[in-house]
N, C-alpha and C. Protein backbone atom coordinates (compact mmCIF):
# COMPACT_ATOMS: atom_id res chain seq x y z
N MET A 1 5.26 -7.82 -36.44
CA MET A 1 4.44 -8.86 -37.04
C MET A 1 3.85 -9.70 -35.91
N ASP A 2 2.55 -9.95 -35.96
CA ASP A 2 1.89 -10.76 -34.94
C ASP A 2 2.00 -12.22 -35.36
N THR A 3 2.77 -12.98 -34.60
CA THR A 3 3.02 -14.37 -34.97
C THR A 3 2.42 -15.36 -33.99
N GLY A 4 1.69 -14.89 -33.01
CA GLY A 4 1.02 -15.78 -32.09
C GLY A 4 1.73 -15.88 -30.75
N LEU A 5 0.95 -16.20 -29.75
CA LEU A 5 1.44 -16.24 -28.38
C LEU A 5 2.46 -17.36 -28.16
N ILE A 6 2.18 -18.55 -28.64
CA ILE A 6 3.09 -19.68 -28.41
C ILE A 6 4.44 -19.44 -29.07
N SER A 7 4.41 -18.98 -30.33
CA SER A 7 5.68 -18.76 -31.02
C SER A 7 6.48 -17.63 -30.36
N ARG A 8 5.81 -16.61 -29.84
CA ARG A 8 6.52 -15.54 -29.13
C ARG A 8 7.16 -16.06 -27.84
N ARG A 9 6.46 -16.93 -27.13
CA ARG A 9 7.04 -17.51 -25.90
C ARG A 9 8.26 -18.37 -26.22
N TYR A 10 8.16 -19.17 -27.26
CA TYR A 10 9.31 -19.98 -27.65
C TYR A 10 10.46 -19.07 -28.10
N ALA A 11 10.15 -18.01 -28.83
CA ALA A 11 11.18 -17.09 -29.29
C ALA A 11 11.87 -16.42 -28.12
N LYS A 12 11.11 -16.05 -27.11
CA LYS A 12 11.70 -15.43 -25.91
C LYS A 12 12.61 -16.44 -25.20
N ALA A 13 12.18 -17.68 -25.15
CA ALA A 13 13.00 -18.72 -24.53
C ALA A 13 14.32 -18.89 -25.30
N LEU A 14 14.25 -18.89 -26.63
CA LEU A 14 15.46 -19.00 -27.44
C LEU A 14 16.37 -17.79 -27.21
N ALA A 15 15.78 -16.61 -27.17
CA ALA A 15 16.58 -15.40 -26.95
C ALA A 15 17.26 -15.43 -25.59
N ASP A 16 16.53 -15.80 -24.56
CA ASP A 16 17.11 -15.86 -23.22
C ASP A 16 18.19 -16.94 -23.12
N TYR A 17 17.91 -18.11 -23.69
CA TYR A 17 18.86 -19.22 -23.63
C TYR A 17 20.15 -18.87 -24.39
N SER A 18 20.00 -18.31 -25.59
CA SER A 18 21.19 -17.98 -26.38
C SER A 18 21.96 -16.81 -25.74
N ALA A 19 21.26 -15.89 -25.08
CA ALA A 19 21.95 -14.80 -24.39
C ALA A 19 22.77 -15.33 -23.20
N LYS A 20 22.22 -16.31 -22.48
CA LYS A 20 22.96 -16.92 -21.36
C LYS A 20 24.22 -17.61 -21.85
N ARG A 21 24.14 -18.21 -23.03
CA ARG A 21 25.30 -18.92 -23.58
C ARG A 21 26.20 -17.97 -24.37
N ASP A 22 25.86 -16.69 -24.41
CA ASP A 22 26.63 -15.67 -25.13
C ASP A 22 26.70 -15.96 -26.63
N GLU A 23 25.59 -16.45 -27.18
CA GLU A 23 25.51 -16.78 -28.61
C GLU A 23 24.36 -16.05 -29.30
N GLU A 24 23.81 -15.04 -28.67
CA GLU A 24 22.60 -14.41 -29.20
C GLU A 24 22.81 -13.81 -30.60
N ALA A 25 23.91 -13.11 -30.83
CA ALA A 25 24.16 -12.51 -32.14
C ALA A 25 24.36 -13.59 -33.19
N ARG A 26 25.07 -14.65 -32.82
CA ARG A 26 25.29 -15.76 -33.77
C ARG A 26 23.97 -16.44 -34.11
N VAL A 27 23.14 -16.68 -33.09
CA VAL A 27 21.85 -17.31 -33.33
C VAL A 27 20.97 -16.43 -34.21
N TYR A 28 21.05 -15.11 -34.02
CA TYR A 28 20.29 -14.18 -34.86
C TYR A 28 20.64 -14.37 -36.34
N GLY A 29 21.92 -14.43 -36.64
CA GLY A 29 22.35 -14.65 -38.03
C GLY A 29 21.90 -16.00 -38.57
N GLU A 30 22.01 -17.02 -37.73
CA GLU A 30 21.60 -18.36 -38.16
C GLU A 30 20.10 -18.44 -38.39
N VAL A 31 19.33 -17.81 -37.52
CA VAL A 31 17.87 -17.83 -37.67
C VAL A 31 17.46 -17.06 -38.92
N GLN A 32 18.17 -15.98 -39.24
CA GLN A 32 17.87 -15.26 -40.49
C GLN A 32 18.05 -16.19 -41.69
N GLN A 33 19.15 -16.93 -41.71
CA GLN A 33 19.41 -17.86 -42.82
C GLN A 33 18.39 -18.98 -42.85
N LEU A 34 18.08 -19.56 -41.70
CA LEU A 34 17.14 -20.69 -41.66
C LEU A 34 15.73 -20.24 -42.03
N ALA A 35 15.32 -19.04 -41.62
CA ALA A 35 13.99 -18.56 -41.99
C ALA A 35 13.89 -18.38 -43.50
N LYS A 36 14.96 -17.87 -44.10
CA LYS A 36 14.98 -17.71 -45.56
C LYS A 36 14.92 -19.07 -46.26
N LEU A 37 15.72 -20.02 -45.77
CA LEU A 37 15.72 -21.36 -46.34
C LEU A 37 14.37 -22.06 -46.14
N TYR A 38 13.77 -21.83 -44.98
CA TYR A 38 12.48 -22.46 -44.66
C TYR A 38 11.40 -22.01 -45.65
N ARG A 39 11.47 -20.72 -46.04
CA ARG A 39 10.50 -20.20 -47.02
C ARG A 39 10.69 -20.85 -48.39
N GLN A 40 11.94 -21.16 -48.72
CA GLN A 40 12.26 -21.65 -50.07
C GLN A 40 12.16 -23.17 -50.21
N GLU A 41 12.48 -23.90 -49.17
CA GLU A 41 12.58 -25.37 -49.25
C GLU A 41 11.29 -26.05 -48.82
N THR A 42 10.51 -26.51 -49.77
CA THR A 42 9.28 -27.22 -49.43
C THR A 42 9.57 -28.61 -48.86
N LEU A 43 10.70 -29.20 -49.24
CA LEU A 43 11.07 -30.51 -48.69
C LEU A 43 11.32 -30.43 -47.19
N LEU A 44 11.81 -29.30 -46.72
CA LEU A 44 12.02 -29.13 -45.29
C LEU A 44 10.70 -29.13 -44.54
N HIS A 45 9.69 -28.48 -45.10
CA HIS A 45 8.35 -28.48 -44.49
C HIS A 45 7.84 -29.90 -44.36
N GLU A 46 7.95 -30.64 -45.46
CA GLU A 46 7.45 -32.02 -45.46
C GLU A 46 8.21 -32.90 -44.47
N ALA A 47 9.52 -32.71 -44.40
CA ALA A 47 10.33 -33.52 -43.48
C ALA A 47 9.96 -33.22 -42.04
N LEU A 48 9.74 -31.95 -41.72
CA LEU A 48 9.38 -31.60 -40.34
C LEU A 48 8.01 -32.12 -39.94
N GLN A 49 7.08 -32.13 -40.86
CA GLN A 49 5.72 -32.57 -40.56
C GLN A 49 5.56 -34.08 -40.59
N SER A 50 6.56 -34.77 -41.10
CA SER A 50 6.48 -36.22 -41.23
C SER A 50 6.52 -36.91 -39.86
N PRO A 51 5.51 -37.74 -39.57
CA PRO A 51 5.53 -38.47 -38.30
C PRO A 51 6.49 -39.66 -38.33
N VAL A 52 6.99 -40.01 -39.51
CA VAL A 52 7.85 -41.17 -39.67
C VAL A 52 9.30 -40.86 -39.29
N LEU A 53 9.76 -39.66 -39.61
CA LEU A 53 11.15 -39.30 -39.35
C LEU A 53 11.41 -39.12 -37.86
N PRO A 54 12.49 -39.69 -37.36
CA PRO A 54 12.82 -39.49 -35.95
C PRO A 54 13.36 -38.08 -35.70
N LEU A 55 13.39 -37.70 -34.44
CA LEU A 55 13.78 -36.36 -34.01
C LEU A 55 15.15 -35.97 -34.55
N GLU A 56 16.13 -36.81 -34.41
CA GLU A 56 17.51 -36.46 -34.80
C GLU A 56 17.65 -36.26 -36.31
N GLU A 57 16.84 -36.96 -37.11
CA GLU A 57 16.89 -36.75 -38.56
C GLU A 57 16.30 -35.39 -38.93
N LYS A 58 15.28 -34.98 -38.21
CA LYS A 58 14.69 -33.65 -38.44
C LYS A 58 15.70 -32.56 -38.06
N VAL A 59 16.39 -32.76 -36.96
CA VAL A 59 17.41 -31.79 -36.53
C VAL A 59 18.56 -31.76 -37.54
N SER A 60 18.96 -32.92 -38.03
CA SER A 60 20.06 -32.96 -38.99
C SER A 60 19.68 -32.31 -40.32
N ALA A 61 18.40 -32.26 -40.64
CA ALA A 61 17.97 -31.56 -41.86
C ALA A 61 18.35 -30.09 -41.77
N PHE A 62 18.17 -29.48 -40.61
CA PHE A 62 18.57 -28.08 -40.42
C PHE A 62 20.09 -27.94 -40.49
N ARG A 63 20.79 -28.90 -39.92
CA ARG A 63 22.25 -28.83 -39.93
C ARG A 63 22.79 -28.91 -41.35
N HIS A 64 22.18 -29.75 -42.18
CA HIS A 64 22.65 -29.90 -43.56
C HIS A 64 22.31 -28.68 -44.41
N LEU A 65 21.22 -28.02 -44.11
CA LEU A 65 20.83 -26.84 -44.89
C LEU A 65 21.67 -25.62 -44.56
N SER A 66 22.20 -25.55 -43.37
CA SER A 66 23.00 -24.41 -42.94
C SER A 66 24.38 -24.47 -43.57
N PRO A 67 24.85 -23.34 -44.11
CA PRO A 67 26.19 -23.34 -44.73
C PRO A 67 27.32 -23.50 -43.72
N ALA A 68 27.07 -23.09 -42.46
CA ALA A 68 28.08 -23.22 -41.40
C ALA A 68 27.48 -24.05 -40.26
N PRO A 69 28.32 -24.60 -39.40
CA PRO A 69 27.78 -25.36 -38.26
C PRO A 69 26.88 -24.47 -37.38
N LEU A 70 25.75 -25.02 -36.97
CA LEU A 70 24.81 -24.27 -36.13
C LEU A 70 25.31 -24.19 -34.69
N SER A 71 24.92 -23.13 -34.01
CA SER A 71 25.31 -22.96 -32.61
C SER A 71 24.60 -24.00 -31.75
N ILE A 72 25.19 -24.28 -30.61
CA ILE A 72 24.62 -25.26 -29.68
C ILE A 72 23.24 -24.79 -29.21
N SER A 73 23.10 -23.48 -28.97
CA SER A 73 21.82 -22.94 -28.50
C SER A 73 20.71 -23.23 -29.50
N LEU A 74 20.99 -23.00 -30.78
CA LEU A 74 19.95 -23.19 -31.79
C LEU A 74 19.63 -24.67 -32.00
N VAL A 75 20.64 -25.52 -31.98
CA VAL A 75 20.40 -26.96 -32.14
C VAL A 75 19.57 -27.48 -30.96
N ASP A 76 19.93 -27.06 -29.75
CA ASP A 76 19.15 -27.48 -28.57
C ASP A 76 17.71 -26.99 -28.68
N PHE A 77 17.54 -25.76 -29.16
CA PHE A 77 16.20 -25.20 -29.28
C PHE A 77 15.37 -25.96 -30.31
N ILE A 78 15.95 -26.23 -31.47
CA ILE A 78 15.22 -26.97 -32.52
C ILE A 78 14.84 -28.35 -32.00
N ARG A 79 15.75 -28.98 -31.29
CA ARG A 79 15.49 -30.30 -30.70
C ARG A 79 14.30 -30.21 -29.72
N LEU A 80 14.28 -29.17 -28.88
CA LEU A 80 13.19 -28.97 -27.92
C LEU A 80 11.85 -28.79 -28.62
N VAL A 81 11.82 -27.96 -29.65
CA VAL A 81 10.58 -27.69 -30.38
C VAL A 81 10.05 -28.97 -31.02
N ILE A 82 10.92 -29.74 -31.62
CA ILE A 82 10.50 -30.98 -32.29
C ILE A 82 10.06 -32.02 -31.25
N ARG A 83 10.77 -32.08 -30.13
CA ARG A 83 10.40 -33.03 -29.07
C ARG A 83 8.99 -32.74 -28.54
N HIS A 84 8.60 -31.48 -28.51
CA HIS A 84 7.27 -31.10 -28.01
C HIS A 84 6.23 -31.02 -29.14
N HIS A 85 6.58 -31.54 -30.32
CA HIS A 85 5.67 -31.61 -31.48
C HIS A 85 5.14 -30.23 -31.86
N ARG A 86 6.02 -29.24 -31.88
CA ARG A 86 5.66 -27.87 -32.26
C ARG A 86 6.31 -27.48 -33.59
N GLU A 87 6.58 -28.46 -34.43
CA GLU A 87 7.23 -28.18 -35.71
C GLU A 87 6.45 -27.18 -36.55
N SER A 88 5.14 -27.21 -36.42
CA SER A 88 4.30 -26.35 -37.25
C SER A 88 4.49 -24.87 -36.94
N ILE A 89 4.99 -24.53 -35.75
CA ILE A 89 5.18 -23.12 -35.42
C ILE A 89 6.64 -22.71 -35.46
N LEU A 90 7.51 -23.56 -35.95
CA LEU A 90 8.94 -23.26 -35.95
C LEU A 90 9.25 -22.02 -36.79
N TYR A 91 8.67 -21.93 -37.96
CA TYR A 91 8.92 -20.76 -38.81
C TYR A 91 8.42 -19.48 -38.14
N LEU A 92 7.23 -19.54 -37.56
CA LEU A 92 6.70 -18.36 -36.85
C LEU A 92 7.56 -18.01 -35.65
N THR A 93 8.13 -19.02 -35.01
CA THR A 93 9.03 -18.78 -33.88
C THR A 93 10.30 -18.08 -34.36
N PHE A 94 10.80 -18.49 -35.51
CA PHE A 94 11.97 -17.82 -36.08
C PHE A 94 11.66 -16.34 -36.33
N LEU A 95 10.51 -16.06 -36.93
CA LEU A 95 10.13 -14.67 -37.19
C LEU A 95 9.97 -13.88 -35.89
N SER A 96 9.38 -14.50 -34.89
CA SER A 96 9.23 -13.84 -33.58
C SER A 96 10.58 -13.56 -32.95
N PHE A 97 11.50 -14.51 -33.07
CA PHE A 97 12.85 -14.32 -32.52
C PHE A 97 13.54 -13.15 -33.20
N LEU A 98 13.42 -13.07 -34.52
CA LEU A 98 14.05 -11.96 -35.26
C LEU A 98 13.48 -10.62 -34.79
N ASP A 99 12.17 -10.54 -34.64
CA ASP A 99 11.54 -9.31 -34.15
C ASP A 99 12.01 -8.98 -32.74
N LEU A 100 12.06 -9.97 -31.88
CA LEU A 100 12.47 -9.76 -30.49
C LEU A 100 13.93 -9.30 -30.41
N TYR A 101 14.79 -9.91 -31.19
CA TYR A 101 16.20 -9.52 -31.20
C TYR A 101 16.35 -8.07 -31.66
N ARG A 102 15.64 -7.71 -32.73
CA ARG A 102 15.71 -6.34 -33.23
C ARG A 102 15.20 -5.35 -32.19
N GLU A 103 14.15 -5.74 -31.50
CA GLU A 103 13.60 -4.87 -30.46
C GLU A 103 14.60 -4.70 -29.32
N ARG A 104 15.19 -5.78 -28.87
CA ARG A 104 16.15 -5.73 -27.75
C ARG A 104 17.41 -4.94 -28.10
N HIS A 105 17.82 -4.99 -29.36
CA HIS A 105 19.07 -4.35 -29.77
C HIS A 105 18.85 -3.08 -30.59
N ASN A 106 17.62 -2.58 -30.60
CA ASN A 106 17.27 -1.32 -31.26
C ASN A 106 17.69 -1.31 -32.74
N ILE A 107 17.27 -2.34 -33.44
CA ILE A 107 17.56 -2.47 -34.86
C ILE A 107 16.24 -2.34 -35.63
N ARG A 108 16.28 -1.58 -36.70
CA ARG A 108 15.09 -1.43 -37.54
C ARG A 108 15.42 -1.84 -38.97
N GLU A 109 14.43 -2.41 -39.63
CA GLU A 109 14.57 -2.84 -41.01
C GLU A 109 13.99 -1.77 -41.93
N ALA A 110 14.68 -1.49 -43.02
CA ALA A 110 14.21 -0.51 -44.00
C ALA A 110 14.39 -1.10 -45.39
N GLU A 111 13.66 -0.53 -46.32
CA GLU A 111 13.73 -0.99 -47.72
C GLU A 111 13.93 0.22 -48.62
N LEU A 112 14.89 0.12 -49.52
CA LEU A 112 15.16 1.17 -50.50
C LEU A 112 14.92 0.60 -51.88
N VAL A 113 13.94 1.14 -52.58
CA VAL A 113 13.61 0.69 -53.93
C VAL A 113 14.02 1.80 -54.88
N THR A 114 14.85 1.47 -55.86
CA THR A 114 15.32 2.45 -56.83
C THR A 114 15.03 1.96 -58.25
N ALA A 115 15.08 2.89 -59.20
CA ALA A 115 14.83 2.54 -60.60
C ALA A 115 16.01 1.79 -61.19
N SER A 116 17.21 2.09 -60.72
CA SER A 116 18.41 1.38 -61.17
C SER A 116 19.30 1.14 -59.95
N PRO A 117 20.23 0.22 -60.05
CA PRO A 117 21.09 -0.08 -58.89
C PRO A 117 21.87 1.16 -58.44
N VAL A 118 21.99 1.31 -57.13
CA VAL A 118 22.76 2.43 -56.57
C VAL A 118 24.01 1.88 -55.89
N GLY A 119 25.00 2.71 -55.75
CA GLY A 119 26.25 2.30 -55.14
C GLY A 119 26.15 2.19 -53.63
N ASN A 120 27.16 1.56 -53.04
CA ASN A 120 27.19 1.40 -51.59
C ASN A 120 27.32 2.73 -50.88
N GLY A 121 27.93 3.71 -51.52
CA GLY A 121 28.08 5.03 -50.91
C GLY A 121 26.74 5.70 -50.66
N VAL A 122 25.83 5.56 -51.61
CA VAL A 122 24.49 6.13 -51.46
C VAL A 122 23.76 5.45 -50.30
N GLU A 123 23.87 4.13 -50.24
CA GLU A 123 23.21 3.38 -49.16
C GLU A 123 23.79 3.77 -47.80
N GLU A 124 25.12 3.89 -47.72
CA GLU A 124 25.75 4.25 -46.44
C GLU A 124 25.36 5.66 -46.00
N ASP A 125 25.30 6.60 -46.95
CA ASP A 125 24.88 7.96 -46.62
C ASP A 125 23.45 7.98 -46.10
N LEU A 126 22.58 7.25 -46.77
CA LEU A 126 21.18 7.16 -46.33
C LEU A 126 21.09 6.50 -44.96
N ARG A 127 21.85 5.44 -44.75
CA ARG A 127 21.84 4.74 -43.46
C ARG A 127 22.27 5.68 -42.33
N LYS A 128 23.34 6.44 -42.56
CA LYS A 128 23.82 7.37 -41.53
C LYS A 128 22.76 8.42 -41.20
N ARG A 129 22.13 8.98 -42.22
CA ARG A 129 21.10 10.00 -41.99
C ARG A 129 19.90 9.44 -41.24
N VAL A 130 19.48 8.25 -41.61
CA VAL A 130 18.32 7.63 -40.94
C VAL A 130 18.68 7.25 -39.51
N GLN A 131 19.89 6.78 -39.28
CA GLN A 131 20.32 6.43 -37.93
C GLN A 131 20.38 7.67 -37.03
N GLU A 132 20.85 8.78 -37.57
CA GLU A 132 20.87 10.03 -36.80
C GLU A 132 19.45 10.48 -36.48
N TRP A 133 18.56 10.34 -37.45
CA TRP A 133 17.17 10.78 -37.28
C TRP A 133 16.41 9.88 -36.30
N SER A 134 16.61 8.56 -36.42
CA SER A 134 15.82 7.62 -35.62
C SER A 134 16.50 7.20 -34.32
N GLY A 135 17.81 7.34 -34.23
CA GLY A 135 18.53 6.95 -33.03
C GLY A 135 18.66 5.44 -32.86
N CYS A 136 18.62 4.71 -33.95
CA CYS A 136 18.76 3.25 -33.87
C CYS A 136 19.60 2.74 -35.04
N THR A 137 19.98 1.50 -34.98
CA THR A 137 20.71 0.86 -36.06
C THR A 137 19.71 0.49 -37.16
N VAL A 138 20.08 0.74 -38.41
CA VAL A 138 19.17 0.50 -39.52
C VAL A 138 19.81 -0.47 -40.51
N ASN A 139 19.08 -1.54 -40.84
CA ASN A 139 19.48 -2.47 -41.90
C ASN A 139 18.66 -2.13 -43.14
N ILE A 140 19.34 -1.83 -44.23
CA ILE A 140 18.64 -1.43 -45.46
C ILE A 140 18.72 -2.57 -46.47
N THR A 141 17.56 -2.94 -46.99
CA THR A 141 17.48 -3.92 -48.07
C THR A 141 17.24 -3.15 -49.36
N ARG A 142 18.08 -3.41 -50.35
CA ARG A 142 17.94 -2.70 -51.63
C ARG A 142 17.18 -3.55 -52.63
N LYS A 143 16.31 -2.89 -53.38
CA LYS A 143 15.59 -3.55 -54.48
C LYS A 143 15.60 -2.62 -55.68
N VAL A 144 15.50 -3.20 -56.87
CA VAL A 144 15.46 -2.41 -58.10
C VAL A 144 14.13 -2.66 -58.78
N ASN A 145 13.45 -1.55 -59.13
CA ASN A 145 12.18 -1.62 -59.84
C ASN A 145 12.21 -0.59 -60.95
N PRO A 146 12.46 -1.02 -62.20
CA PRO A 146 12.57 -0.07 -63.31
C PRO A 146 11.27 0.71 -63.57
N ALA A 147 10.14 0.24 -63.07
CA ALA A 147 8.87 0.94 -63.26
C ALA A 147 8.85 2.29 -62.55
N LEU A 148 9.77 2.53 -61.65
CA LEU A 148 9.83 3.82 -60.96
C LEU A 148 10.32 4.94 -61.88
N ILE A 149 10.94 4.58 -62.97
CA ILE A 149 11.52 5.47 -63.97
C ILE A 149 12.75 6.20 -63.42
N GLY A 150 12.65 6.78 -62.26
CA GLY A 150 13.76 7.48 -61.62
C GLY A 150 13.41 7.74 -60.17
N GLY A 151 14.38 8.15 -59.37
CA GLY A 151 14.11 8.43 -57.97
C GLY A 151 14.15 7.18 -57.12
N PHE A 152 13.43 7.22 -55.98
CA PHE A 152 13.46 6.11 -55.05
C PHE A 152 12.20 6.07 -54.19
N ILE A 153 12.00 4.92 -53.54
CA ILE A 153 10.97 4.75 -52.51
C ILE A 153 11.70 4.20 -51.29
N PHE A 154 11.49 4.84 -50.14
CA PHE A 154 12.12 4.40 -48.90
C PHE A 154 11.02 4.06 -47.90
N ARG A 155 11.10 2.86 -47.31
CA ARG A 155 10.12 2.41 -46.30
C ARG A 155 10.86 1.97 -45.04
N MET A 156 10.37 2.45 -43.89
CA MET A 156 10.86 1.96 -42.60
C MET A 156 9.72 2.11 -41.61
N ASP A 157 9.28 0.98 -41.07
CA ASP A 157 8.14 0.96 -40.15
C ASP A 157 6.95 1.66 -40.81
N ASP A 158 6.47 2.73 -40.21
CA ASP A 158 5.31 3.45 -40.76
C ASP A 158 5.70 4.61 -41.65
N THR A 159 6.98 4.79 -41.90
CA THR A 159 7.47 5.90 -42.72
C THR A 159 7.62 5.45 -44.16
N LEU A 160 7.05 6.24 -45.07
CA LEU A 160 7.17 5.98 -46.50
C LEU A 160 7.53 7.29 -47.18
N ILE A 161 8.64 7.27 -47.90
CA ILE A 161 9.05 8.42 -48.70
C ILE A 161 9.06 7.95 -50.15
N ASP A 162 8.13 8.47 -50.93
CA ASP A 162 8.04 8.11 -52.34
C ASP A 162 8.51 9.29 -53.17
N ALA A 163 9.77 9.26 -53.54
CA ALA A 163 10.37 10.32 -54.35
C ALA A 163 10.66 9.79 -55.75
N SER A 164 9.78 8.95 -56.25
CA SER A 164 9.99 8.36 -57.57
C SER A 164 9.37 9.23 -58.65
N LEU A 165 9.93 9.16 -59.82
CA LEU A 165 9.40 9.91 -60.95
C LEU A 165 8.01 9.40 -61.33
N ALA A 166 7.79 8.11 -61.20
CA ALA A 166 6.47 7.53 -61.49
C ALA A 166 5.40 8.13 -60.58
N ALA A 167 5.71 8.33 -59.30
CA ALA A 167 4.75 8.93 -58.36
C ALA A 167 4.50 10.39 -58.72
N GLN A 168 5.54 11.11 -59.11
CA GLN A 168 5.38 12.51 -59.50
C GLN A 168 4.52 12.63 -60.75
N LEU A 169 4.73 11.75 -61.70
CA LEU A 169 3.90 11.76 -62.92
C LEU A 169 2.44 11.42 -62.60
N ARG A 170 2.24 10.48 -61.69
CA ARG A 170 0.89 10.12 -61.27
C ARG A 170 0.19 11.30 -60.61
N LEU A 171 0.91 12.02 -59.75
CA LEU A 171 0.35 13.22 -59.11
C LEU A 171 0.00 14.28 -60.14
N LEU A 172 0.89 14.51 -61.07
CA LEU A 172 0.66 15.51 -62.12
C LEU A 172 -0.54 15.12 -62.98
N ARG A 173 -0.65 13.85 -63.31
CA ARG A 173 -1.76 13.37 -64.12
C ARG A 173 -3.09 13.58 -63.37
N ASN A 174 -3.09 13.31 -62.06
CA ASN A 174 -4.31 13.50 -61.27
C ASN A 174 -4.68 14.97 -61.19
N ARG A 175 -3.70 15.85 -61.01
CA ARG A 175 -3.98 17.29 -60.92
C ARG A 175 -4.51 17.84 -62.24
N LEU A 176 -3.87 17.43 -63.33
CA LEU A 176 -4.31 17.93 -64.63
C LEU A 176 -5.67 17.36 -65.02
N GLY A 177 -5.92 16.15 -64.63
CA GLY A 177 -7.18 15.52 -64.96
C GLY A 177 -8.35 16.06 -64.15
N ASN A 178 -8.09 16.62 -62.98
CA ASN A 178 -9.15 17.12 -62.11
C ASN A 178 -9.42 18.60 -62.28
N GLU A 179 -8.58 19.32 -63.02
CA GLU A 179 -8.78 20.75 -63.22
C GLU A 179 -9.90 20.97 -64.24
N PRO A 180 -10.78 21.92 -63.96
CA PRO A 180 -11.80 22.23 -64.95
C PRO A 180 -11.18 22.89 -66.17
N THR A 181 -11.72 22.60 -67.31
CA THR A 181 -11.19 23.21 -68.54
C THR A 181 -11.84 24.57 -68.72
N ARG A 182 -11.08 25.52 -69.22
CA ARG A 182 -11.57 26.86 -69.46
C ARG A 182 -11.98 27.02 -70.91
N LYS A 183 -13.11 27.64 -71.09
CA LYS A 183 -13.57 27.90 -72.44
C LYS A 183 -13.47 29.41 -72.69
N ILE A 184 -12.90 29.77 -73.80
CA ILE A 184 -12.77 31.17 -74.12
C ILE A 184 -13.77 31.56 -75.16
């Protein structure tokens, strides 16, 4: 994802700083949670953009939203970003950090969409096969879409496998609709 030059530079600084403090994996988990919360909480956006709130109150907003205490690396980083009046790019910096961490640690994100919920065994089997094929660690996000009727859709980077019954019916409908009719 292209998130801009400034946010990528800040993300690299966070990655390097947290790696020096041996907190990079912890910061990765915290940034995942904060990015998700940032998308959902409109009050957080307003609080960060407010010129009235002092720096420490903006930092404490992140601390209160986090279910666990934040790492020193992340708190220092958030404080730095706010001190330099870069609050508007904080979310993009989080996204850049997540991408950078995945790149450094050879992690890829994948999505599995099924017509009905599948068990953990199916997900683990798929994860093992994809990891053998790709040579990297794979995080799979599961979604359920009853419109698929049956089967699944698997997405990872530029790879798309659509083995859904809905796609097969669509293909069949297109083939039957395009065939010339025979008259006897």
